[in-house]
Amino acid sequence: MEISEQIKNHRMQLQLSQEELAKRIYVSRQTISNWENEKSYPDIHSLLLLSNLFGVPVDELIKGDLKKMKQEINQEEVNAFNTQGNIFSALVIASILTFVPLLVWKGMLGLVLWLPLYLITMLYAFRIEKLKRTNNIHTYKEVVAFSEGKRLDEIETIRESGKQPYQTVIKFLAGAGVGLLLGALVFLLMK
């Protein structure tokens, strides 16, 4: 049961009007109405006063809402991760596609023009890594599961954590390979 229903049910059991309840917990009648109609949520001080007045623990008042709040927070994290990931993907593609044309068209000035795009791309890469650390996701499988709003079970997580050292080496080698390729391309174009 959600807190709006809890407040209304307990208020009715005590045979209190919204006005009377409001006076007892030092808020306005409109505030009580907003809580009961799910337009707002009581702050912690009000929750404590309601708990004391109704004679029920705070966790009983908010039990149904805790699960809902956790799901909303999780969905917000998933949405942020997906948005950051999409922006990063677009920036990587733009960085790759503009590097050589800018270099050929403007020479060293093209490289200077390309550098801010590269720096912004790296900023988003760091943002994604921070989100991954915050949500304890490391492997590709974990990233895919998280982006779909799911979590791997404990056994799968253990299996995936065993892959982390290998994936770190592969990421390093891939990054070094791309760097060498771009360096060679710049060298050839500057000849």
N, C-alpha and C. Protein backbone atom coordinates (compact mmCIF):
# COMPACT_ATOMS: atom_id res chain seq x y z
N MET A 1 0.85 -1.18 0.00
CA MET A 1 0.00 0.00 0.00
C MET A 1 0.89 1.24 0.00
N GLU A 2 0.56 2.23 -0.79
CA GLU A 2 1.36 3.44 -0.89
C GLU A 2 1.05 4.38 0.27
N ILE A 3 1.97 5.30 0.49
CA ILE A 3 1.85 6.19 1.65
C ILE A 3 0.59 7.05 1.58
N SER A 4 0.18 7.43 0.38
CA SER A 4 -1.04 8.24 0.25
C SER A 4 -2.24 7.49 0.84
N GLU A 5 -2.33 6.20 0.52
CA GLU A 5 -3.42 5.38 1.06
C GLU A 5 -3.24 5.15 2.55
N GLN A 6 -2.00 4.96 2.98
CA GLN A 6 -1.72 4.75 4.40
C GLN A 6 -2.18 5.95 5.23
N ILE A 7 -1.82 7.14 4.77
CA ILE A 7 -2.20 8.36 5.51
C ILE A 7 -3.71 8.48 5.59
N LYS A 8 -4.36 8.28 4.46
CA LYS A 8 -5.83 8.42 4.43
C LYS A 8 -6.49 7.37 5.32
N ASN A 9 -6.04 6.12 5.23
CA ASN A 9 -6.65 5.05 6.04
C ASN A 9 -6.45 5.30 7.53
N HIS A 10 -5.24 5.65 7.94
CA HIS A 10 -4.98 5.91 9.36
C HIS A 10 -5.74 7.15 9.84
N ARG A 11 -5.84 8.16 9.00
CA ARG A 11 -6.59 9.37 9.37
C ARG A 11 -8.06 9.04 9.60
N MET A 12 -8.61 8.20 8.71
CA MET A 12 -10.03 7.81 8.83
C MET A 12 -10.25 6.95 10.08
N GLN A 13 -9.29 6.04 10.38
CA GLN A 13 -9.42 5.20 11.57
C GLN A 13 -9.45 6.04 12.84
N LEU A 14 -8.68 7.13 12.86
CA LEU A 14 -8.67 8.02 14.02
C LEU A 14 -9.81 9.03 13.96
N GLN A 15 -10.61 8.96 12.90
CA GLN A 15 -11.75 9.86 12.68
C GLN A 15 -11.32 11.33 12.72
N LEU A 16 -10.25 11.61 11.97
CA LEU A 16 -9.73 12.96 11.88
C LEU A 16 -10.02 13.52 10.48
N SER A 17 -10.34 14.79 10.44
CA SER A 17 -10.44 15.45 9.13
C SER A 17 -9.03 15.80 8.67
N GLN A 18 -8.90 16.20 7.42
CA GLN A 18 -7.59 16.63 6.93
C GLN A 18 -7.10 17.83 7.74
N GLU A 19 -8.02 18.72 8.08
CA GLU A 19 -7.67 19.92 8.86
C GLU A 19 -7.15 19.54 10.24
N GLU A 20 -7.82 18.60 10.90
CA GLU A 20 -7.40 18.18 12.24
C GLU A 20 -6.03 17.49 12.20
N LEU A 21 -5.83 16.62 11.21
CA LEU A 21 -4.54 15.96 11.08
C LEU A 21 -3.44 16.98 10.82
N ALA A 22 -3.75 17.94 9.97
CA ALA A 22 -2.77 18.98 9.62
C ALA A 22 -2.33 19.74 10.88
N LYS A 23 -3.26 20.08 11.74
CA LYS A 23 -2.93 20.81 12.97
C LYS A 23 -2.04 19.97 13.89
N ARG A 24 -2.29 18.68 13.94
CA ARG A 24 -1.53 17.80 14.85
C ARG A 24 -0.08 17.58 14.39
N ILE A 25 0.16 17.70 13.10
CA ILE A 25 1.54 17.48 12.64
C ILE A 25 2.14 18.76 12.05
N TYR A 26 1.47 19.88 12.30
CA TYR A 26 2.02 21.21 12.00
C TYR A 26 2.26 21.47 10.50
N VAL A 27 1.27 21.09 9.70
CA VAL A 27 1.30 21.41 8.27
C VAL A 27 -0.07 21.96 7.89
N SER A 28 -0.23 22.37 6.65
CA SER A 28 -1.52 22.90 6.21
C SER A 28 -2.44 21.77 5.76
N ARG A 29 -3.74 22.06 5.70
CA ARG A 29 -4.70 21.08 5.21
C ARG A 29 -4.39 20.72 3.77
N GLN A 30 -3.96 21.71 3.00
CA GLN A 30 -3.61 21.49 1.59
C GLN A 30 -2.45 20.48 1.47
N THR A 31 -1.52 20.54 2.39
CA THR A 31 -0.40 19.59 2.38
C THR A 31 -0.90 18.17 2.57
N ILE A 32 -1.82 17.98 3.52
CA ILE A 32 -2.41 16.66 3.75
C ILE A 32 -3.12 16.19 2.49
N SER A 33 -3.88 17.08 1.88
CA SER A 33 -4.59 16.74 0.64
C SER A 33 -3.61 16.34 -0.46
N ASN A 34 -2.52 17.07 -0.58
CA ASN A 34 -1.51 16.75 -1.59
C ASN A 34 -0.88 15.37 -1.34
N TRP A 35 -0.64 15.05 -0.07
CA TRP A 35 -0.08 13.73 0.25
C TRP A 35 -1.07 12.63 -0.11
N GLU A 36 -2.33 12.83 0.24
CA GLU A 36 -3.33 11.80 0.00
C GLU A 36 -3.65 11.65 -1.50
N ASN A 37 -3.41 12.69 -2.26
CA ASN A 37 -3.68 12.65 -3.71
C ASN A 37 -2.40 12.43 -4.53
N GLU A 38 -1.32 12.04 -3.85
CA GLU A 38 -0.04 11.74 -4.49
C GLU A 38 0.55 12.90 -5.29
N LYS A 39 0.26 14.11 -4.85
CA LYS A 39 0.85 15.29 -5.50
C LYS A 39 2.19 15.67 -4.88
N SER A 40 2.40 15.24 -3.65
CA SER A 40 3.68 15.47 -2.98
C SER A 40 3.89 14.37 -1.96
N TYR A 41 5.09 14.37 -1.36
CA TYR A 41 5.48 13.31 -0.44
C TYR A 41 5.92 13.95 0.87
N PRO A 42 5.55 13.37 2.01
CA PRO A 42 5.94 13.96 3.29
C PRO A 42 7.46 13.95 3.50
N ASP A 43 7.97 14.99 4.12
CA ASP A 43 9.40 15.00 4.45
C ASP A 43 9.62 14.10 5.67
N ILE A 44 10.86 13.91 6.03
CA ILE A 44 11.19 12.96 7.10
C ILE A 44 10.59 13.38 8.44
N HIS A 45 10.59 14.68 8.71
CA HIS A 45 10.01 15.17 9.98
C HIS A 45 8.53 14.85 10.03
N SER A 46 7.82 15.09 8.94
CA SER A 46 6.38 14.79 8.88
C SER A 46 6.13 13.29 8.99
N LEU A 47 6.98 12.49 8.36
CA LEU A 47 6.83 11.03 8.46
C LEU A 47 6.96 10.57 9.91
N LEU A 48 7.92 11.15 10.62
CA LEU A 48 8.09 10.79 12.03
C LEU A 48 6.87 11.19 12.86
N LEU A 49 6.33 12.38 12.61
CA LEU A 49 5.13 12.82 13.34
C LEU A 49 3.93 11.93 13.00
N LEU A 50 3.77 11.59 11.72
CA LEU A 50 2.67 10.71 11.31
C LEU A 50 2.82 9.33 11.96
N SER A 51 4.02 8.81 11.96
CA SER A 51 4.30 7.51 12.56
C SER A 51 3.92 7.50 14.03
N ASN A 52 4.31 8.55 14.74
CA ASN A 52 4.01 8.66 16.17
C ASN A 52 2.50 8.79 16.40
N LEU A 53 1.84 9.63 15.61
CA LEU A 53 0.40 9.85 15.77
C LEU A 53 -0.40 8.59 15.44
N PHE A 54 -0.02 7.90 14.37
CA PHE A 54 -0.76 6.70 13.95
C PHE A 54 -0.37 5.47 14.74
N GLY A 55 0.76 5.54 15.46
CA GLY A 55 1.22 4.40 16.24
C GLY A 55 1.75 3.26 15.38
N VAL A 56 2.36 3.61 14.25
CA VAL A 56 2.96 2.59 13.37
C VAL A 56 4.40 3.01 13.04
N PRO A 57 5.27 2.04 12.80
CA PRO A 57 6.65 2.40 12.44
C PRO A 57 6.70 3.11 11.08
N VAL A 58 7.71 3.94 10.90
CA VAL A 58 7.87 4.69 9.65
C VAL A 58 7.98 3.73 8.46
N ASP A 59 8.74 2.64 8.64
CA ASP A 59 8.91 1.73 7.51
C ASP A 59 7.59 1.09 7.08
N GLU A 60 6.65 0.94 8.01
CA GLU A 60 5.34 0.41 7.64
C GLU A 60 4.57 1.44 6.81
N LEU A 61 4.75 2.71 7.16
CA LEU A 61 4.07 3.77 6.39
C LEU A 61 4.56 3.83 4.95
N ILE A 62 5.85 3.62 4.77
CA ILE A 62 6.43 3.84 3.44
C ILE A 62 6.82 2.55 2.72
N LYS A 63 6.48 1.40 3.27
CA LYS A 63 6.94 0.12 2.73
C LYS A 63 6.69 -0.02 1.23
N GLY A 64 5.49 0.17 0.78
CA GLY A 64 5.18 0.04 -0.66
C GLY A 64 5.91 1.07 -1.49
N ASP A 65 6.11 2.25 -0.92
CA ASP A 65 6.76 3.33 -1.66
C ASP A 65 8.26 3.09 -1.81
N LEU A 66 8.89 2.40 -0.86
CA LEU A 66 10.32 2.15 -0.95
C LEU A 66 10.66 1.35 -2.20
N LYS A 67 9.89 0.31 -2.47
CA LYS A 67 10.13 -0.51 -3.66
C LYS A 67 9.94 0.33 -4.93
N LYS A 68 8.89 1.12 -4.94
CA LYS A 68 8.61 1.98 -6.09
C LYS A 68 9.73 3.00 -6.28
N MET A 69 10.22 3.60 -5.18
CA MET A 69 11.29 4.59 -5.26
C MET A 69 12.58 3.95 -5.77
N LYS A 70 12.89 2.74 -5.31
CA LYS A 70 14.09 2.05 -5.78
C LYS A 70 14.02 1.79 -7.28
N GLN A 71 12.84 1.40 -7.76
CA GLN A 71 12.67 1.15 -9.19
C GLN A 71 12.83 2.43 -9.98
N GLU A 72 12.28 3.54 -9.47
CA GLU A 72 12.39 4.82 -10.16
C GLU A 72 13.84 5.28 -10.20
N ILE A 73 14.56 5.14 -9.08
CA ILE A 73 15.97 5.53 -9.04
C ILE A 73 16.76 4.68 -10.02
N ASN A 74 16.51 3.37 -10.02
CA ASN A 74 17.22 2.47 -10.92
C ASN A 74 16.93 2.87 -12.37
N GLN A 75 15.68 3.18 -12.68
CA GLN A 75 15.33 3.54 -14.05
C GLN A 75 15.99 4.86 -14.44
N GLU A 76 16.11 5.80 -13.50
CA GLU A 76 16.80 7.06 -13.78
C GLU A 76 18.27 6.80 -14.10
N GLU A 77 18.91 5.89 -13.36
CA GLU A 77 20.30 5.55 -13.63
C GLU A 77 20.45 4.89 -14.99
N VAL A 78 19.52 4.00 -15.33
CA VAL A 78 19.56 3.33 -16.62
C VAL A 78 19.39 4.35 -17.74
N ASN A 79 18.43 5.26 -17.58
CA ASN A 79 18.21 6.29 -18.60
C ASN A 79 19.43 7.18 -18.77
N ALA A 80 20.05 7.57 -17.65
CA ALA A 80 21.26 8.40 -17.72
C ALA A 80 22.38 7.65 -18.43
N PHE A 81 22.55 6.38 -18.09
CA PHE A 81 23.59 5.57 -18.72
C PHE A 81 23.35 5.45 -20.22
N ASN A 82 22.11 5.18 -20.61
CA ASN A 82 21.79 5.04 -22.04
C ASN A 82 21.97 6.35 -22.79
N THR A 83 21.57 7.46 -22.19
CA THR A 83 21.73 8.77 -22.83
C THR A 83 23.20 9.10 -23.01
N GLN A 84 23.98 8.92 -21.94
CA GLN A 84 25.42 9.19 -22.03
C GLN A 84 26.07 8.29 -23.07
N GLY A 85 25.64 7.03 -23.12
CA GLY A 85 26.18 6.09 -24.09
C GLY A 85 25.87 6.49 -25.53
N ASN A 86 24.66 6.96 -25.76
CA ASN A 86 24.27 7.40 -27.12
C ASN A 86 25.07 8.62 -27.54
N ILE A 87 25.23 9.57 -26.63
CA ILE A 87 26.01 10.77 -26.94
C ILE A 87 27.46 10.39 -27.23
N PHE A 88 28.02 9.51 -26.39
CA PHE A 88 29.39 9.07 -26.59
C PHE A 88 29.55 8.38 -27.95
N SER A 89 28.61 7.52 -28.30
CA SER A 89 28.69 6.83 -29.60
C SER A 89 28.69 7.82 -30.75
N ALA A 90 27.81 8.81 -30.68
CA ALA A 90 27.75 9.83 -31.75
C ALA A 90 29.06 10.61 -31.82
N LEU A 91 29.62 10.94 -30.66
CA LEU A 91 30.88 11.68 -30.63
C LEU A 91 32.04 10.86 -31.19
N VAL A 92 32.08 9.57 -30.86
CA VAL A 92 33.14 8.71 -31.39
C VAL A 92 33.05 8.65 -32.91
N ILE A 93 31.85 8.45 -33.42
CA ILE A 93 31.66 8.39 -34.88
C ILE A 93 32.08 9.71 -35.52
N ALA A 94 31.65 10.83 -34.91
CA ALA A 94 32.03 12.14 -35.46
C ALA A 94 33.54 12.34 -35.41
N SER A 95 34.17 11.91 -34.32
CA SER A 95 35.63 12.05 -34.20
C SER A 95 36.35 11.25 -35.29
N ILE A 96 35.90 10.03 -35.50
CA ILE A 96 36.53 9.18 -36.51
C ILE A 96 36.32 9.74 -37.92
N LEU A 97 35.10 10.15 -38.21
CA LEU A 97 34.78 10.61 -39.56
C LEU A 97 35.37 11.99 -39.90
N THR A 98 35.65 12.81 -38.89
CA THR A 98 36.15 14.15 -39.19
C THR A 98 37.66 14.27 -39.10
N PHE A 99 38.33 13.30 -38.51
CA PHE A 99 39.77 13.41 -38.30
C PHE A 99 40.54 13.58 -39.61
N VAL A 100 40.42 12.64 -40.50
CA VAL A 100 41.20 12.69 -41.76
C VAL A 100 40.75 13.86 -42.64
N PRO A 101 39.44 14.07 -42.85
CA PRO A 101 39.06 15.21 -43.70
C PRO A 101 39.57 16.56 -43.18
N LEU A 102 39.50 16.78 -41.87
CA LEU A 102 40.01 18.03 -41.32
C LEU A 102 41.52 18.14 -41.49
N LEU A 103 42.21 17.03 -41.31
CA LEU A 103 43.65 17.02 -41.45
C LEU A 103 44.06 17.29 -42.90
N VAL A 104 43.38 16.67 -43.85
CA VAL A 104 43.69 16.87 -45.27
C VAL A 104 43.31 18.29 -45.70
N TRP A 105 42.16 18.75 -45.25
CA TRP A 105 41.62 20.03 -45.70
C TRP A 105 42.39 21.21 -45.11
N LYS A 106 42.72 21.13 -43.81
CA LYS A 106 43.34 22.27 -43.14
C LYS A 106 44.73 21.99 -42.58
N GLY A 107 45.25 20.77 -42.75
CA GLY A 107 46.58 20.46 -42.23
C GLY A 107 46.58 20.49 -40.71
N MET A 108 47.59 21.11 -40.14
CA MET A 108 47.73 21.18 -38.68
C MET A 108 46.58 21.96 -38.04
N LEU A 109 46.04 22.96 -38.76
CA LEU A 109 44.88 23.70 -38.25
C LEU A 109 43.68 22.76 -38.11
N GLY A 110 43.56 21.81 -39.02
CA GLY A 110 42.49 20.81 -38.93
C GLY A 110 42.63 19.97 -37.68
N LEU A 111 43.87 19.64 -37.33
CA LEU A 111 44.12 18.89 -36.11
C LEU A 111 43.71 19.70 -34.88
N VAL A 112 44.00 20.99 -34.92
CA VAL A 112 43.61 21.89 -33.82
C VAL A 112 42.08 22.01 -33.76
N LEU A 113 41.43 22.03 -34.92
CA LEU A 113 39.96 22.10 -34.94
C LEU A 113 39.34 20.79 -34.44
N TRP A 114 40.01 19.68 -34.70
CA TRP A 114 39.48 18.37 -34.31
C TRP A 114 39.67 18.10 -32.81
N LEU A 115 40.69 18.67 -32.23
CA LEU A 115 41.04 18.41 -30.83
C LEU A 115 39.89 18.67 -29.84
N PRO A 116 39.12 19.77 -29.94
CA PRO A 116 38.00 19.95 -28.98
C PRO A 116 36.96 18.83 -29.07
N LEU A 117 36.69 18.34 -30.29
CA LEU A 117 35.74 17.24 -30.44
C LEU A 117 36.27 15.99 -29.74
N TYR A 118 37.55 15.75 -29.88
CA TYR A 118 38.18 14.61 -29.23
C TYR A 118 38.11 14.75 -27.70
N LEU A 119 38.36 15.93 -27.19
CA LEU A 119 38.33 16.16 -25.75
C LEU A 119 36.91 15.98 -25.18
N ILE A 120 35.92 16.44 -25.92
CA ILE A 120 34.53 16.25 -25.49
C ILE A 120 34.18 14.76 -25.49
N THR A 121 34.67 14.06 -26.50
CA THR A 121 34.44 12.61 -26.58
C THR A 121 35.05 11.92 -25.36
N MET A 122 36.26 12.31 -24.99
CA MET A 122 36.91 11.72 -23.82
C MET A 122 36.17 12.06 -22.53
N LEU A 123 35.62 13.28 -22.44
CA LEU A 123 34.83 13.66 -21.28
C LEU A 123 33.65 12.71 -21.11
N TYR A 124 32.96 12.41 -22.21
CA TYR A 124 31.83 11.48 -22.13
C TYR A 124 32.30 10.06 -21.82
N ALA A 125 33.47 9.69 -22.29
CA ALA A 125 34.01 8.37 -21.96
C ALA A 125 34.23 8.27 -20.44
N PHE A 126 34.76 9.34 -19.84
CA PHE A 126 34.97 9.33 -18.39
C PHE A 126 33.65 9.32 -17.64
N ARG A 127 32.65 10.02 -18.16
CA ARG A 127 31.32 10.01 -17.52
C ARG A 127 30.73 8.60 -17.51
N ILE A 128 30.86 7.91 -18.62
CA ILE A 128 30.34 6.55 -18.71
C ILE A 128 31.09 5.63 -17.75
N GLU A 129 32.40 5.78 -17.70
CA GLU A 129 33.19 4.96 -16.78
C GLU A 129 32.78 5.22 -15.33
N LYS A 130 32.49 6.47 -15.02
CA LYS A 130 32.04 6.79 -13.65
C LYS A 130 30.70 6.11 -13.35
N LEU A 131 29.77 6.16 -14.31
CA LEU A 131 28.48 5.48 -14.13
C LEU A 131 28.67 3.97 -13.98
N LYS A 132 29.61 3.42 -14.74
CA LYS A 132 29.88 1.99 -14.64
C LYS A 132 30.43 1.63 -13.26
N ARG A 133 31.36 2.45 -12.76
CA ARG A 133 31.90 2.19 -11.42
C ARG A 133 30.83 2.33 -10.35
N THR A 134 30.00 3.37 -10.47
CA THR A 134 28.94 3.61 -9.49
C THR A 134 27.98 2.44 -9.41
N ASN A 135 27.67 1.85 -10.57
CA ASN A 135 26.71 0.75 -10.61
C ASN A 135 27.37 -0.63 -10.66
N ASN A 136 28.69 -0.66 -10.45
CA ASN A 136 29.45 -1.91 -10.39
C ASN A 136 29.22 -2.78 -11.63
N ILE A 137 29.37 -2.18 -12.80
CA ILE A 137 29.28 -2.94 -14.04
C ILE A 137 30.61 -2.83 -14.76
N HIS A 138 31.11 -3.97 -15.22
CA HIS A 138 32.45 -3.99 -15.81
C HIS A 138 32.49 -4.64 -17.18
N THR A 139 31.80 -5.75 -17.34
CA THR A 139 31.91 -6.49 -18.58
C THR A 139 30.82 -6.09 -19.56
N TYR A 140 31.01 -6.49 -20.79
CA TYR A 140 30.03 -6.16 -21.84
C TYR A 140 28.65 -6.70 -21.48
N LYS A 141 28.61 -7.94 -20.99
CA LYS A 141 27.33 -8.56 -20.62
C LYS A 141 26.63 -7.77 -19.52
N GLU A 142 27.41 -7.29 -18.55
CA GLU A 142 26.83 -6.49 -17.47
C GLU A 142 26.32 -5.15 -18.00
N VAL A 143 27.07 -4.55 -18.92
CA VAL A 143 26.66 -3.27 -19.51
C VAL A 143 25.34 -3.44 -20.25
N VAL A 144 25.24 -4.49 -21.05
CA VAL A 144 24.01 -4.74 -21.82
C VAL A 144 22.84 -4.98 -20.88
N ALA A 145 23.04 -5.80 -19.85
CA ALA A 145 21.97 -6.07 -18.89
C ALA A 145 21.52 -4.78 -18.20
N PHE A 146 22.49 -3.96 -17.78
CA PHE A 146 22.15 -2.71 -17.09
C PHE A 146 21.40 -1.76 -18.01
N SER A 147 21.84 -1.67 -19.27
CA SER A 147 21.18 -0.74 -20.21
C SER A 147 19.74 -1.16 -20.49
N GLU A 148 19.42 -2.43 -20.22
CA GLU A 148 18.04 -2.92 -20.36
C GLU A 148 17.29 -2.87 -19.04
N GLY A 149 17.93 -2.31 -18.00
CA GLY A 149 17.29 -2.18 -16.70
C GLY A 149 17.29 -3.47 -15.89
N LYS A 150 18.22 -4.38 -16.20
CA LYS A 150 18.29 -5.66 -15.50
C LYS A 150 19.63 -5.76 -14.77
N ARG A 151 19.73 -6.76 -13.91
CA ARG A 151 20.98 -7.08 -13.22
C ARG A 151 21.27 -8.55 -13.44
N LEU A 152 22.55 -8.89 -13.50
CA LEU A 152 22.94 -10.29 -13.60
C LEU A 152 22.80 -10.94 -12.24
N ASP A 153 22.46 -12.23 -12.22
CA ASP A 153 22.39 -12.90 -10.93
C ASP A 153 23.81 -13.12 -10.40
N GLU A 154 23.92 -13.59 -9.18
CA GLU A 154 25.22 -13.69 -8.50
C GLU A 154 26.20 -14.60 -9.25
N ILE A 155 25.73 -15.73 -9.75
CA ILE A 155 26.61 -16.66 -10.45
C ILE A 155 27.15 -16.03 -11.73
N GLU A 156 26.27 -15.41 -12.49
CA GLU A 156 26.72 -14.77 -13.73
C GLU A 156 27.71 -13.64 -13.43
N THR A 157 27.47 -12.90 -12.35
CA THR A 157 28.37 -11.81 -11.97
C THR A 157 29.76 -12.35 -11.66
N ILE A 158 29.82 -13.48 -10.94
CA ILE A 158 31.12 -14.09 -10.62
C ILE A 158 31.83 -14.53 -11.90
N ARG A 159 31.09 -15.14 -12.81
CA ARG A 159 31.68 -15.56 -14.08
C ARG A 159 32.21 -14.37 -14.87
N GLU A 160 31.41 -13.31 -14.90
CA GLU A 160 31.80 -12.12 -15.65
C GLU A 160 33.01 -11.44 -15.01
N SER A 161 33.08 -11.45 -13.67
CA SER A 161 34.23 -10.80 -13.02
C SER A 161 35.53 -11.52 -13.35
N GLY A 162 35.46 -12.80 -13.67
CA GLY A 162 36.65 -13.54 -14.09
C GLY A 162 37.17 -13.08 -15.44
N LYS A 163 36.32 -12.48 -16.24
CA LYS A 163 36.71 -12.00 -17.57
C LYS A 163 37.35 -10.61 -17.54
N GLN A 164 37.19 -9.91 -16.44
CA GLN A 164 37.65 -8.52 -16.37
C GLN A 164 39.12 -8.33 -16.70
N PRO A 165 40.04 -9.14 -16.17
CA PRO A 165 41.45 -8.92 -16.52
C PRO A 165 41.71 -9.04 -18.02
N TYR A 166 41.07 -10.01 -18.66
CA TYR A 166 41.25 -10.19 -20.10
C TYR A 166 40.69 -9.02 -20.88
N GLN A 167 39.53 -8.55 -20.44
CA GLN A 167 38.90 -7.43 -21.15
C GLN A 167 39.72 -6.16 -21.00
N THR A 168 40.36 -5.98 -19.87
CA THR A 168 41.21 -4.81 -19.68
C THR A 168 42.38 -4.83 -20.66
N VAL A 169 42.99 -6.00 -20.83
CA VAL A 169 44.10 -6.14 -21.78
C VAL A 169 43.61 -5.89 -23.21
N ILE A 170 42.47 -6.45 -23.54
CA ILE A 170 41.92 -6.26 -24.89
C ILE A 170 41.61 -4.79 -25.14
N LYS A 171 41.02 -4.11 -24.16
CA LYS A 171 40.73 -2.67 -24.31
C LYS A 171 42.01 -1.88 -24.54
N PHE A 172 43.05 -2.20 -23.75
CA PHE A 172 44.32 -1.50 -23.89
C PHE A 172 44.90 -1.72 -25.28
N LEU A 173 44.92 -2.97 -25.73
CA LEU A 173 45.48 -3.27 -27.05
C LEU A 173 44.67 -2.61 -28.17
N ALA A 174 43.36 -2.61 -28.04
CA ALA A 174 42.52 -1.97 -29.06
C ALA A 174 42.77 -0.46 -29.08
N GLY A 175 42.85 0.15 -27.92
CA GLY A 175 43.13 1.59 -27.84
C GLY A 175 44.49 1.93 -28.42
N ALA A 176 45.49 1.10 -28.09
CA ALA A 176 46.83 1.32 -28.62
C ALA A 176 46.84 1.15 -30.14
N GLY A 177 46.11 0.16 -30.63
CA GLY A 177 46.03 -0.08 -32.08
C GLY A 177 45.41 1.09 -32.81
N VAL A 178 44.32 1.63 -32.27
CA VAL A 178 43.66 2.78 -32.87
C VAL A 178 44.59 3.98 -32.83
N GLY A 179 45.28 4.17 -31.71
CA GLY A 179 46.23 5.29 -31.59
C GLY A 179 47.36 5.18 -32.60
N LEU A 180 47.91 3.98 -32.75
CA LEU A 180 48.97 3.77 -33.74
C LEU A 180 48.48 4.01 -35.16
N LEU A 181 47.28 3.53 -35.44
CA LEU A 181 46.70 3.73 -36.77
C LEU A 181 46.51 5.21 -37.07
N LEU A 182 45.97 5.94 -36.11
CA LEU A 182 45.77 7.38 -36.31
C LEU A 182 47.11 8.10 -36.43
N GLY A 183 48.10 7.69 -35.61
CA GLY A 183 49.43 8.30 -35.68
C GLY A 183 50.07 8.05 -37.04
N ALA A 184 49.95 6.81 -37.54
CA ALA A 184 50.51 6.49 -38.85
C ALA A 184 49.83 7.28 -39.96
N LEU A 185 48.52 7.42 -39.81
CA LEU A 185 47.75 8.19 -40.80
C LEU A 185 48.18 9.64 -40.81
N VAL A 186 48.37 10.23 -39.65
CA VAL A 186 48.85 11.62 -39.56
C VAL A 186 50.24 11.72 -40.17
N PHE A 187 51.11 10.77 -39.85
CA PHE A 187 52.46 10.78 -40.38
C PHE A 187 52.44 10.72 -41.91
N LEU A 188 51.64 9.84 -42.48
CA LEU A 188 51.55 9.71 -43.93
C LEU A 188 50.99 10.96 -44.59
N LEU A 189 50.01 11.56 -43.94
CA LEU A 189 49.39 12.77 -44.52
C LEU A 189 50.30 13.99 -44.41
N MET A 190 51.18 13.99 -43.43
CA MET A 190 52.07 15.13 -43.25
C MET A 190 53.32 15.05 -44.12
N LYS A 191 53.58 13.90 -44.75
CA LYS A 191 54.77 13.74 -45.62
C LYS A 191 54.71 14.64 -46.82
